N, C-alpha and C. Protein backbone atom coordinates (compact mmCIF):
# COMPACT_ATOMS: atom_id res chain seq x y z
N MET A 1 186.40 207.90 31.98
CA MET A 1 185.40 208.90 31.68
C MET A 1 184.41 208.38 30.65
N LYS A 2 184.95 207.76 29.57
CA LYS A 2 184.07 207.22 28.53
C LYS A 2 183.25 206.07 29.07
N SER A 3 183.85 205.23 29.89
CA SER A 3 183.10 204.09 30.44
C SER A 3 181.99 204.53 31.37
N SER A 4 182.17 205.63 32.09
CA SER A 4 181.10 206.11 32.96
C SER A 4 179.94 206.67 32.13
N ARG A 5 180.25 207.28 31.01
CA ARG A 5 179.20 207.78 30.12
C ARG A 5 178.42 206.60 29.53
N LEU A 6 179.13 205.58 29.13
CA LEU A 6 178.47 204.39 28.58
C LEU A 6 177.58 203.73 29.65
N ILE A 7 178.05 203.64 30.84
CA ILE A 7 177.25 203.04 31.93
C ILE A 7 176.02 203.89 32.20
N THR A 8 176.18 205.20 32.22
CA THR A 8 175.05 206.11 32.43
C THR A 8 174.03 205.97 31.30
N LEU A 9 174.51 205.92 30.07
CA LEU A 9 173.63 205.78 28.91
C LEU A 9 172.89 204.44 28.93
N ALA A 10 173.61 203.38 29.25
CA ALA A 10 172.99 202.05 29.34
C ALA A 10 171.95 202.00 30.44
N SER A 11 172.25 202.60 31.58
CA SER A 11 171.30 202.63 32.70
C SER A 11 170.03 203.40 32.33
N ALA A 12 170.22 204.52 31.65
CA ALA A 12 169.06 205.32 31.24
C ALA A 12 168.20 204.55 30.24
N SER A 13 168.84 203.81 29.34
CA SER A 13 168.10 203.02 28.36
C SER A 13 167.29 201.93 29.05
N LEU A 14 167.91 201.25 30.02
CA LEU A 14 167.19 200.20 30.75
C LEU A 14 166.01 200.74 31.53
N LEU A 15 166.20 201.92 32.14
CA LEU A 15 165.09 202.54 32.88
C LEU A 15 163.95 202.93 31.93
N LEU A 16 164.29 203.42 30.77
CA LEU A 16 163.28 203.79 29.78
C LEU A 16 162.49 202.57 29.33
N VAL A 17 163.17 201.49 29.00
CA VAL A 17 162.50 200.26 28.58
C VAL A 17 161.63 199.71 29.70
N ALA A 18 162.17 199.70 30.92
CA ALA A 18 161.42 199.17 32.08
C ALA A 18 160.18 200.02 32.32
N SER A 19 160.29 201.35 32.20
CA SER A 19 159.13 202.20 32.46
C SER A 19 158.06 202.02 31.40
N CYS A 20 158.45 201.79 30.13
CA CYS A 20 157.48 201.56 29.06
C CYS A 20 156.72 200.28 29.30
N SER A 21 157.41 199.21 29.66
CA SER A 21 156.71 197.94 29.85
C SER A 21 155.84 197.98 31.09
N SER A 22 156.26 198.73 32.13
CA SER A 22 155.42 198.81 33.32
C SER A 22 154.17 199.64 33.03
N LYS A 23 154.26 200.67 32.18
CA LYS A 23 153.07 201.45 31.81
C LYS A 23 152.08 200.57 31.07
N LYS A 24 152.58 199.69 30.19
CA LYS A 24 151.70 198.79 29.46
C LYS A 24 150.96 197.87 30.41
N LYS A 25 151.68 197.33 31.41
CA LYS A 25 151.07 196.44 32.40
C LYS A 25 150.02 197.18 33.21
N ILE A 26 150.32 198.44 33.57
CA ILE A 26 149.36 199.24 34.34
C ILE A 26 148.10 199.47 33.51
N VAL A 27 148.24 199.80 32.25
CA VAL A 27 147.09 200.03 31.39
C VAL A 27 146.27 198.75 31.26
N GLU A 28 146.92 197.61 31.01
CA GLU A 28 146.20 196.35 30.90
C GLU A 28 145.48 196.01 32.20
N LYS A 29 146.15 196.23 33.34
CA LYS A 29 145.55 195.95 34.64
C LYS A 29 144.33 196.85 34.86
N ASP A 30 144.46 198.15 34.50
CA ASP A 30 143.37 199.11 34.65
C ASP A 30 142.15 198.71 33.82
N VAL A 31 142.40 198.24 32.60
CA VAL A 31 141.30 197.81 31.73
C VAL A 31 140.59 196.60 32.34
N LYS A 32 141.36 195.65 32.84
CA LYS A 32 140.76 194.44 33.45
C LYS A 32 139.97 194.79 34.69
N GLN A 33 140.45 195.74 35.50
CA GLN A 33 139.74 196.13 36.72
C GLN A 33 138.39 196.76 36.41
N ARG A 34 138.28 197.42 35.29
CA ARG A 34 137.01 198.05 34.92
C ARG A 34 136.07 197.04 34.26
N GLY A 35 136.49 195.80 34.14
CA GLY A 35 135.65 194.76 33.54
C GLY A 35 135.67 194.82 32.01
N GLU A 36 136.64 195.47 31.45
CA GLU A 36 136.74 195.56 29.99
C GLU A 36 137.74 194.55 29.48
N VAL A 37 137.52 194.12 28.26
CA VAL A 37 138.41 193.19 27.61
C VAL A 37 138.86 193.82 26.31
N LEU A 38 140.16 193.86 26.09
CA LEU A 38 140.70 194.39 24.85
C LEU A 38 140.44 193.38 23.73
N ILE A 39 139.82 193.85 22.66
CA ILE A 39 139.45 192.98 21.55
C ILE A 39 140.32 193.30 20.34
N GLU A 40 140.85 192.26 19.73
CA GLU A 40 141.58 192.47 18.48
C GLU A 40 140.60 192.31 17.33
N ASN A 41 140.49 193.35 16.53
CA ASN A 41 139.57 193.34 15.39
C ASN A 41 140.39 193.09 14.13
N TYR A 42 140.41 191.86 13.67
CA TYR A 42 141.22 191.48 12.53
C TYR A 42 140.74 192.17 11.26
N CYS A 43 141.62 192.26 10.29
CA CYS A 43 141.31 192.83 8.97
C CYS A 43 140.91 194.31 9.05
N SER A 44 141.39 195.02 10.06
CA SER A 44 141.02 196.44 10.16
C SER A 44 142.23 197.32 10.42
N GLU A 45 143.42 196.81 10.13
CA GLU A 45 144.63 197.61 10.28
C GLU A 45 144.64 198.71 9.22
N ASP A 46 145.62 199.60 9.32
CA ASP A 46 145.74 200.71 8.35
C ASP A 46 145.77 200.22 6.91
N LYS A 47 146.43 199.07 6.66
CA LYS A 47 146.53 198.57 5.29
C LYS A 47 145.17 198.11 4.75
N HIS A 48 144.16 198.05 5.59
CA HIS A 48 142.81 197.67 5.17
C HIS A 48 141.86 198.86 5.11
N MET A 49 142.40 200.07 5.15
CA MET A 49 141.58 201.28 5.09
C MET A 49 141.67 201.90 3.70
N SER A 50 140.66 202.69 3.35
CA SER A 50 140.64 203.34 2.05
C SER A 50 141.84 204.26 1.87
N THR A 51 142.27 204.37 0.62
CA THR A 51 143.37 205.29 0.28
C THR A 51 142.84 206.26 -0.78
N SER A 52 143.72 207.06 -1.31
CA SER A 52 143.30 208.00 -2.35
C SER A 52 143.06 207.30 -3.69
N LYS A 53 143.38 206.01 -3.79
CA LYS A 53 143.21 205.26 -5.04
C LYS A 53 142.23 204.09 -4.91
N ILE A 54 141.98 203.64 -3.68
CA ILE A 54 141.21 202.39 -3.48
C ILE A 54 140.18 202.57 -2.37
N PHE A 55 138.96 202.13 -2.65
CA PHE A 55 137.93 202.06 -1.62
C PHE A 55 138.11 200.74 -0.88
N ARG A 56 138.07 200.78 0.46
CA ARG A 56 138.16 199.55 1.25
C ARG A 56 137.15 199.57 2.38
N SER A 57 136.74 198.36 2.79
CA SER A 57 135.85 198.25 3.93
C SER A 57 136.17 196.95 4.65
N ASN A 58 135.78 196.88 5.91
CA ASN A 58 135.95 195.64 6.66
C ASN A 58 134.71 195.42 7.52
N ALA A 59 134.46 194.15 7.83
CA ALA A 59 133.27 193.79 8.60
C ALA A 59 133.46 192.45 9.26
N ILE A 60 132.49 192.12 10.12
CA ILE A 60 132.50 190.86 10.85
C ILE A 60 131.17 190.15 10.61
N GLY A 61 131.23 188.85 10.52
CA GLY A 61 130.03 188.01 10.46
C GLY A 61 130.15 186.90 11.47
N GLU A 62 129.08 186.60 12.18
CA GLU A 62 129.12 185.53 13.19
C GLU A 62 127.95 184.58 12.99
N SER A 63 128.25 183.30 13.14
CA SER A 63 127.21 182.28 13.00
C SER A 63 127.69 180.96 13.60
N MET A 64 126.74 180.07 13.83
CA MET A 64 127.08 178.73 14.28
C MET A 64 127.76 177.95 13.15
N ASP A 65 127.51 178.35 11.90
CA ASP A 65 128.05 177.71 10.72
C ASP A 65 129.16 178.59 10.14
N GLN A 66 130.31 178.00 9.85
CA GLN A 66 131.46 178.77 9.36
C GLN A 66 131.17 179.48 8.04
N MET A 67 130.53 178.81 7.10
CA MET A 67 130.27 179.43 5.80
C MET A 67 129.24 180.56 5.91
N THR A 68 128.28 180.40 6.81
CA THR A 68 127.30 181.47 7.03
C THR A 68 127.99 182.69 7.64
N ALA A 69 128.93 182.46 8.55
CA ALA A 69 129.69 183.58 9.13
C ALA A 69 130.45 184.32 8.01
N LYS A 70 131.01 183.55 7.09
CA LYS A 70 131.76 184.14 5.97
C LYS A 70 130.82 184.96 5.07
N LYS A 71 129.65 184.39 4.76
CA LYS A 71 128.68 185.11 3.91
C LYS A 71 128.22 186.40 4.58
N LYS A 72 127.98 186.34 5.89
CA LYS A 72 127.55 187.53 6.62
C LYS A 72 128.65 188.60 6.61
N ALA A 73 129.90 188.17 6.80
CA ALA A 73 131.01 189.13 6.80
C ALA A 73 131.14 189.80 5.43
N ARG A 74 131.03 188.99 4.36
CA ARG A 74 131.14 189.57 3.01
C ARG A 74 129.98 190.53 2.73
N SER A 75 128.78 190.11 3.11
CA SER A 75 127.61 190.97 2.90
C SER A 75 127.76 192.29 3.67
N ASN A 76 128.20 192.22 4.91
CA ASN A 76 128.38 193.43 5.70
C ASN A 76 129.50 194.31 5.14
N ALA A 77 130.59 193.69 4.67
CA ALA A 77 131.68 194.46 4.09
C ALA A 77 131.24 195.12 2.79
N GLN A 78 130.45 194.39 1.96
CA GLN A 78 129.95 194.97 0.71
C GLN A 78 128.99 196.14 1.00
N ALA A 79 128.17 195.99 2.02
CA ALA A 79 127.24 197.08 2.36
C ALA A 79 128.02 198.32 2.79
N GLU A 80 129.06 198.13 3.59
CA GLU A 80 129.90 199.24 4.02
C GLU A 80 130.63 199.86 2.84
N LEU A 81 131.14 199.03 1.94
CA LEU A 81 131.82 199.51 0.74
C LEU A 81 130.86 200.31 -0.13
N ALA A 82 129.66 199.80 -0.31
CA ALA A 82 128.65 200.50 -1.12
C ALA A 82 128.31 201.87 -0.52
N LYS A 83 128.18 201.90 0.80
CA LYS A 83 127.86 203.16 1.48
C LYS A 83 128.96 204.19 1.27
N THR A 84 130.21 203.75 1.41
CA THR A 84 131.35 204.66 1.25
C THR A 84 131.44 205.17 -0.18
N ILE A 85 131.31 204.27 -1.15
CA ILE A 85 131.40 204.67 -2.56
C ILE A 85 130.24 205.59 -2.91
N SER A 86 129.04 205.24 -2.51
CA SER A 86 127.85 206.04 -2.83
C SER A 86 127.96 207.45 -2.27
N SER A 87 128.38 207.57 -1.02
CA SER A 87 128.47 208.90 -0.44
C SER A 87 129.57 209.72 -1.10
N THR A 88 130.68 209.07 -1.45
CA THR A 88 131.77 209.77 -2.15
C THR A 88 131.29 210.22 -3.52
N MET A 89 130.62 209.33 -4.26
CA MET A 89 130.16 209.68 -5.61
C MET A 89 129.07 210.75 -5.57
N LYS A 90 128.27 210.78 -4.52
CA LYS A 90 127.25 211.82 -4.39
C LYS A 90 127.92 213.19 -4.24
N ILE A 91 128.95 213.24 -3.41
CA ILE A 91 129.68 214.50 -3.23
C ILE A 91 130.37 214.90 -4.54
N VAL A 92 130.99 213.93 -5.21
CA VAL A 92 131.67 214.21 -6.49
C VAL A 92 130.65 214.75 -7.50
N GLY A 93 129.51 214.09 -7.62
CA GLY A 93 128.47 214.53 -8.55
C GLY A 93 127.98 215.93 -8.23
N ASP A 94 127.67 216.18 -6.95
CA ASP A 94 127.20 217.51 -6.54
C ASP A 94 128.24 218.60 -6.86
N ASN A 95 129.50 218.32 -6.50
CA ASN A 95 130.55 219.31 -6.75
C ASN A 95 130.81 219.51 -8.23
N PHE A 96 130.75 218.44 -9.00
CA PHE A 96 130.98 218.54 -10.43
C PHE A 96 129.87 219.34 -11.11
N VAL A 97 128.63 219.06 -10.75
CA VAL A 97 127.51 219.79 -11.34
C VAL A 97 127.55 221.25 -10.95
N LYS A 98 127.86 221.55 -9.71
CA LYS A 98 127.94 222.95 -9.25
C LYS A 98 128.99 223.74 -10.02
N SER A 99 130.09 223.08 -10.37
CA SER A 99 131.18 223.78 -11.04
C SER A 99 131.06 223.74 -12.56
N SER A 100 129.99 223.15 -13.07
CA SER A 100 129.81 223.04 -14.52
C SER A 100 128.77 224.00 -15.04
N GLU A 101 128.55 223.95 -16.34
CA GLU A 101 127.65 224.87 -17.02
C GLU A 101 126.29 224.24 -17.35
N PHE A 102 125.87 223.25 -16.62
CA PHE A 102 124.60 222.59 -16.91
C PHE A 102 123.44 223.55 -16.68
N ASN A 103 122.43 223.50 -17.58
CA ASN A 103 121.28 224.38 -17.47
C ASN A 103 120.37 223.99 -16.31
N ASN A 104 119.95 222.74 -16.27
CA ASN A 104 119.05 222.28 -15.22
C ASN A 104 119.86 221.45 -14.22
N LYS A 105 120.53 222.13 -13.30
CA LYS A 105 121.46 221.47 -12.36
C LYS A 105 120.77 220.45 -11.47
N GLU A 106 119.54 220.73 -11.06
CA GLU A 106 118.82 219.80 -10.17
C GLU A 106 118.57 218.47 -10.87
N GLU A 107 118.13 218.53 -12.12
CA GLU A 107 117.86 217.31 -12.89
C GLU A 107 119.14 216.54 -13.18
N VAL A 108 120.21 217.26 -13.49
CA VAL A 108 121.48 216.62 -13.76
C VAL A 108 122.04 215.96 -12.50
N THR A 109 121.88 216.63 -11.36
CA THR A 109 122.32 216.05 -10.08
C THR A 109 121.60 214.75 -9.81
N GLU A 110 120.31 214.71 -10.06
CA GLU A 110 119.53 213.48 -9.85
C GLU A 110 120.02 212.39 -10.80
N THR A 111 120.34 212.75 -12.03
CA THR A 111 120.87 211.77 -12.99
C THR A 111 122.18 211.20 -12.49
N PHE A 112 123.07 212.05 -11.98
CA PHE A 112 124.35 211.59 -11.41
C PHE A 112 124.09 210.60 -10.27
N ASN A 113 123.16 210.92 -9.38
CA ASN A 113 122.89 210.05 -8.24
C ASN A 113 122.33 208.70 -8.68
N GLU A 114 121.46 208.69 -9.68
CA GLU A 114 120.93 207.43 -10.20
C GLU A 114 122.05 206.60 -10.81
N MET A 115 122.92 207.22 -11.57
CA MET A 115 124.04 206.51 -12.17
C MET A 115 124.96 205.93 -11.10
N SER A 116 125.16 206.68 -10.04
CA SER A 116 126.01 206.22 -8.95
C SER A 116 125.49 204.92 -8.37
N ARG A 117 124.17 204.87 -8.11
CA ARG A 117 123.57 203.65 -7.55
C ARG A 117 123.76 202.48 -8.51
N THR A 118 123.55 202.70 -9.77
CA THR A 118 123.68 201.64 -10.77
C THR A 118 125.12 201.15 -10.85
N VAL A 119 126.07 202.06 -10.94
CA VAL A 119 127.48 201.69 -11.05
C VAL A 119 127.93 200.95 -9.79
N VAL A 120 127.58 201.44 -8.63
CA VAL A 120 127.98 200.78 -7.38
C VAL A 120 127.42 199.36 -7.33
N ASP A 121 126.14 199.20 -7.64
CA ASP A 121 125.52 197.87 -7.63
C ASP A 121 126.24 196.92 -8.59
N GLN A 122 126.60 197.40 -9.77
CA GLN A 122 127.27 196.55 -10.76
C GLN A 122 128.69 196.22 -10.34
N GLU A 123 129.40 197.16 -9.79
CA GLU A 123 130.82 196.98 -9.50
C GLU A 123 131.10 196.23 -8.19
N LEU A 124 130.16 196.21 -7.27
CA LEU A 124 130.37 195.53 -5.99
C LEU A 124 130.71 194.05 -6.16
N THR A 125 130.17 193.44 -7.21
CA THR A 125 130.45 192.03 -7.43
C THR A 125 131.93 191.81 -7.73
N GLY A 126 132.62 192.84 -8.17
CA GLY A 126 134.04 192.73 -8.47
C GLY A 126 134.96 193.11 -7.32
N ALA A 127 134.39 193.34 -6.12
CA ALA A 127 135.20 193.68 -4.96
C ALA A 127 136.13 192.52 -4.63
N ILE A 128 137.37 192.84 -4.32
CA ILE A 128 138.39 191.84 -4.06
C ILE A 128 138.57 191.67 -2.55
N LYS A 129 138.60 190.43 -2.11
CA LYS A 129 138.84 190.13 -0.69
C LYS A 129 140.34 190.28 -0.44
N ILE A 130 140.70 191.15 0.50
CA ILE A 130 142.12 191.37 0.81
C ILE A 130 142.50 190.82 2.18
N CYS A 131 141.52 190.42 2.97
CA CYS A 131 141.81 189.84 4.28
C CYS A 131 140.62 189.00 4.71
N GLU A 132 140.93 187.85 5.30
CA GLU A 132 139.87 187.00 5.85
C GLU A 132 140.48 186.19 6.99
N LYS A 133 139.87 186.29 8.16
CA LYS A 133 140.33 185.55 9.33
C LYS A 133 139.10 184.97 10.03
N PHE A 134 139.27 183.77 10.56
CA PHE A 134 138.20 183.11 11.30
C PHE A 134 138.63 182.91 12.74
N THR A 135 137.69 183.06 13.65
CA THR A 135 137.90 182.70 15.06
C THR A 135 136.68 181.90 15.50
N LYS A 136 136.84 181.24 16.63
CA LYS A 136 135.72 180.49 17.21
C LYS A 136 135.50 181.06 18.61
N THR A 137 134.27 181.40 18.92
CA THR A 137 133.94 182.01 20.20
C THR A 137 133.81 180.96 21.29
N GLU A 138 133.69 181.40 22.52
CA GLU A 138 133.53 180.49 23.65
C GLU A 138 132.29 179.61 23.51
N ASN A 139 131.23 180.16 22.94
CA ASN A 139 129.98 179.41 22.82
C ASN A 139 129.94 178.57 21.54
N GLY A 140 131.05 178.48 20.80
CA GLY A 140 131.12 177.60 19.65
C GLY A 140 130.76 178.24 18.31
N ASN A 141 130.44 179.52 18.31
CA ASN A 141 130.13 180.21 17.06
C ASN A 141 131.41 180.54 16.30
N TYR A 142 131.27 180.67 14.99
CA TYR A 142 132.39 181.10 14.16
C TYR A 142 132.24 182.60 13.90
N LYS A 143 133.38 183.29 13.91
CA LYS A 143 133.41 184.69 13.54
C LYS A 143 134.34 184.81 12.33
N CYS A 144 133.88 185.53 11.34
CA CYS A 144 134.69 185.77 10.16
C CYS A 144 134.94 187.28 10.09
N TYR A 145 136.18 187.63 10.00
CA TYR A 145 136.60 189.02 9.81
C TYR A 145 137.04 189.14 8.36
N MET A 146 136.53 190.16 7.67
CA MET A 146 136.83 190.27 6.25
C MET A 146 137.04 191.73 5.84
N ALA A 147 137.96 191.93 4.91
CA ALA A 147 138.15 193.26 4.32
C ALA A 147 138.10 193.10 2.81
N LEU A 148 137.43 194.06 2.17
CA LEU A 148 137.28 194.09 0.70
C LEU A 148 137.84 195.39 0.15
N GLU A 149 138.19 195.36 -1.11
CA GLU A 149 138.63 196.59 -1.77
C GLU A 149 138.10 196.66 -3.20
N LEU A 150 137.99 197.88 -3.68
CA LEU A 150 137.55 198.13 -5.05
C LEU A 150 138.30 199.36 -5.55
N SER A 151 138.85 199.25 -6.72
CA SER A 151 139.66 200.32 -7.30
C SER A 151 138.81 201.56 -7.58
N GLY A 152 139.31 202.70 -7.13
CA GLY A 152 138.64 203.96 -7.43
C GLY A 152 138.66 204.25 -8.91
N GLU A 153 139.75 203.87 -9.57
CA GLU A 153 139.88 204.07 -11.02
C GLU A 153 138.82 203.28 -11.77
N LYS A 154 138.55 202.08 -11.30
CA LYS A 154 137.53 201.24 -11.94
C LYS A 154 136.15 201.90 -11.81
N ILE A 155 135.88 202.46 -10.66
CA ILE A 155 134.58 203.13 -10.43
C ILE A 155 134.46 204.34 -11.34
N VAL A 156 135.49 205.18 -11.36
CA VAL A 156 135.42 206.40 -12.16
C VAL A 156 135.33 206.09 -13.65
N THR A 157 135.98 205.00 -14.09
CA THR A 157 135.90 204.60 -15.50
C THR A 157 134.49 204.16 -15.87
N LYS A 158 133.88 203.35 -15.02
CA LYS A 158 132.49 202.90 -15.26
C LYS A 158 131.53 204.09 -15.23
N TYR A 159 131.75 204.97 -14.31
CA TYR A 159 130.93 206.18 -14.21
C TYR A 159 131.04 206.99 -15.49
N ASN A 160 132.28 207.16 -15.97
CA ASN A 160 132.52 207.91 -17.20
C ASN A 160 131.81 207.27 -18.40
N GLU A 161 131.83 205.94 -18.49
CA GLU A 161 131.15 205.25 -19.58
C GLU A 161 129.66 205.58 -19.59
N ARG A 162 129.06 205.56 -18.40
CA ARG A 162 127.62 205.83 -18.31
C ARG A 162 127.31 207.30 -18.59
N LEU A 163 128.15 208.20 -18.08
CA LEU A 163 127.91 209.63 -18.31
C LEU A 163 128.07 209.99 -19.78
N SER A 164 129.02 209.37 -20.44
CA SER A 164 129.27 209.65 -21.86
C SER A 164 128.11 209.24 -22.75
N LYS A 165 127.30 208.30 -22.29
CA LYS A 165 126.16 207.82 -23.06
C LYS A 165 124.89 208.63 -22.80
N ASN A 166 124.90 209.46 -21.77
CA ASN A 166 123.72 210.21 -21.39
C ASN A 166 123.63 211.48 -22.25
N GLU A 167 122.58 211.56 -23.08
CA GLU A 167 122.42 212.70 -24.00
C GLU A 167 122.26 214.02 -23.26
N GLN A 168 121.59 213.99 -22.12
CA GLN A 168 121.33 215.22 -21.37
C GLN A 168 122.63 215.83 -20.84
N ILE A 169 123.58 214.99 -20.48
CA ILE A 169 124.84 215.45 -19.88
C ILE A 169 125.95 215.58 -20.91
N LYS A 170 125.89 214.79 -21.93
CA LYS A 170 126.99 214.62 -22.90
C LYS A 170 127.55 215.94 -23.43
N ALA A 171 126.74 216.88 -23.73
CA ALA A 171 127.20 218.14 -24.35
C ALA A 171 128.11 218.94 -23.42
N ASP A 172 127.79 218.94 -22.13
CA ASP A 172 128.56 219.75 -21.18
C ASP A 172 129.56 218.95 -20.36
N TYR A 173 129.60 217.64 -20.55
CA TYR A 173 130.43 216.78 -19.72
C TYR A 173 131.91 216.90 -20.05
N ASN A 174 132.72 217.06 -19.01
CA ASN A 174 134.17 217.18 -19.14
C ASN A 174 134.79 216.13 -18.24
N TYR A 175 135.29 215.05 -18.84
CA TYR A 175 135.82 213.93 -18.07
C TYR A 175 136.99 214.35 -17.18
N GLU A 176 137.89 215.15 -17.69
CA GLU A 176 139.06 215.54 -16.90
C GLU A 176 138.64 216.31 -15.65
N LYS A 177 137.66 217.17 -15.80
CA LYS A 177 137.16 217.93 -14.65
C LYS A 177 136.45 217.00 -13.67
N PHE A 178 135.72 216.05 -14.19
CA PHE A 178 135.03 215.07 -13.34
C PHE A 178 136.06 214.23 -12.57
N LYS A 179 137.09 213.77 -13.28
CA LYS A 179 138.12 212.93 -12.64
C LYS A 179 138.88 213.73 -11.57
N GLU A 180 139.15 214.99 -11.84
CA GLU A 180 139.83 215.85 -10.87
C GLU A 180 138.98 215.99 -9.60
N THR A 181 137.68 216.19 -9.78
CA THR A 181 136.76 216.29 -8.65
C THR A 181 136.75 214.99 -7.86
N PHE A 182 136.74 213.86 -8.57
CA PHE A 182 136.75 212.55 -7.94
C PHE A 182 138.03 212.34 -7.14
N GLU A 183 139.17 212.69 -7.71
CA GLU A 183 140.46 212.50 -7.03
C GLU A 183 140.56 213.33 -5.75
N LYS A 184 139.99 214.53 -5.77
CA LYS A 184 139.99 215.37 -4.57
C LYS A 184 139.19 214.71 -3.46
N GLU A 185 138.04 214.15 -3.81
CA GLU A 185 137.22 213.48 -2.80
C GLU A 185 137.87 212.20 -2.28
N MET A 186 138.58 211.49 -3.14
CA MET A 186 139.30 210.28 -2.70
C MET A 186 140.41 210.67 -1.71
N GLU A 187 141.07 211.77 -1.97
CA GLU A 187 142.13 212.24 -1.06
C GLU A 187 141.53 212.57 0.29
N LYS A 188 140.38 213.24 0.30
CA LYS A 188 139.70 213.58 1.56
C LYS A 188 139.31 212.31 2.30
N LEU A 189 138.79 211.33 1.57
CA LEU A 189 138.40 210.04 2.20
C LEU A 189 139.60 209.38 2.86
N ALA A 190 140.73 209.36 2.18
CA ALA A 190 141.94 208.72 2.73
C ALA A 190 142.42 209.46 3.97
N ASN A 191 142.29 210.78 3.98
CA ASN A 191 142.76 211.56 5.13
C ASN A 191 141.85 211.46 6.34
N GLN A 192 140.59 211.06 6.14
CA GLN A 192 139.65 210.93 7.25
C GLN A 192 139.91 209.69 8.08
N GLN A 193 140.60 208.72 7.52
CA GLN A 193 140.78 207.45 8.22
C GLN A 193 142.05 207.38 9.02
C-alpha cells in the first residue's frame, strides 16, 4: 500500500516537472515564431532597483569603442538616477511645505526645488557603480550595462544642510518632519518597482 502511494507520488512529480519544461519550450518556440528574440538586460535584476533606503538606476551604452560604451552607460544611468531623485525630492518638498506653517508657500516650494537641483547635481558624482557588464554585438560594437546607486540618507543629509542655512526657511523648518516625509516617498518609490 505504501509503495503504491510512493509510486503515485513519484509519477505525479515527474509529470509536473515534464509539463513545466514543456510549457517553457512552447513559450520559447512561440516567441521565435513571432520573430521575437528574448533579450537579457544585465544589471537590471531586483537587486539593482531602488529600495526604501537607496536610489538606484540602470542603463545601457553602446559604441564601437569599449570605453565610450562605458561612458555612455554611466551617463545614461546618472541621468536616470538624477530624474528619479529629482522627482522624489520635488514630491517631498511639495508635501513638506503643504504640511508646514510657511507664510509664502509658493516661494518656499520654489526654494526647495532649486535646492533639490543643486543637491542632486553635487551628489551624482558620488554615485556608486554596483553592476557593470560588457557584451559585444554581432556588428562588433560594445555594449555596457551599468547600475548605479546613491544613498537616500546621504541625499536627505545634504538637503538638510542646505535647508538649515536658508534664512527664509530656517525659522519654520523641522528636520524630523522633513525626514519623515522623505522616508514615506522612498517607501512609495520602492513599492512601485
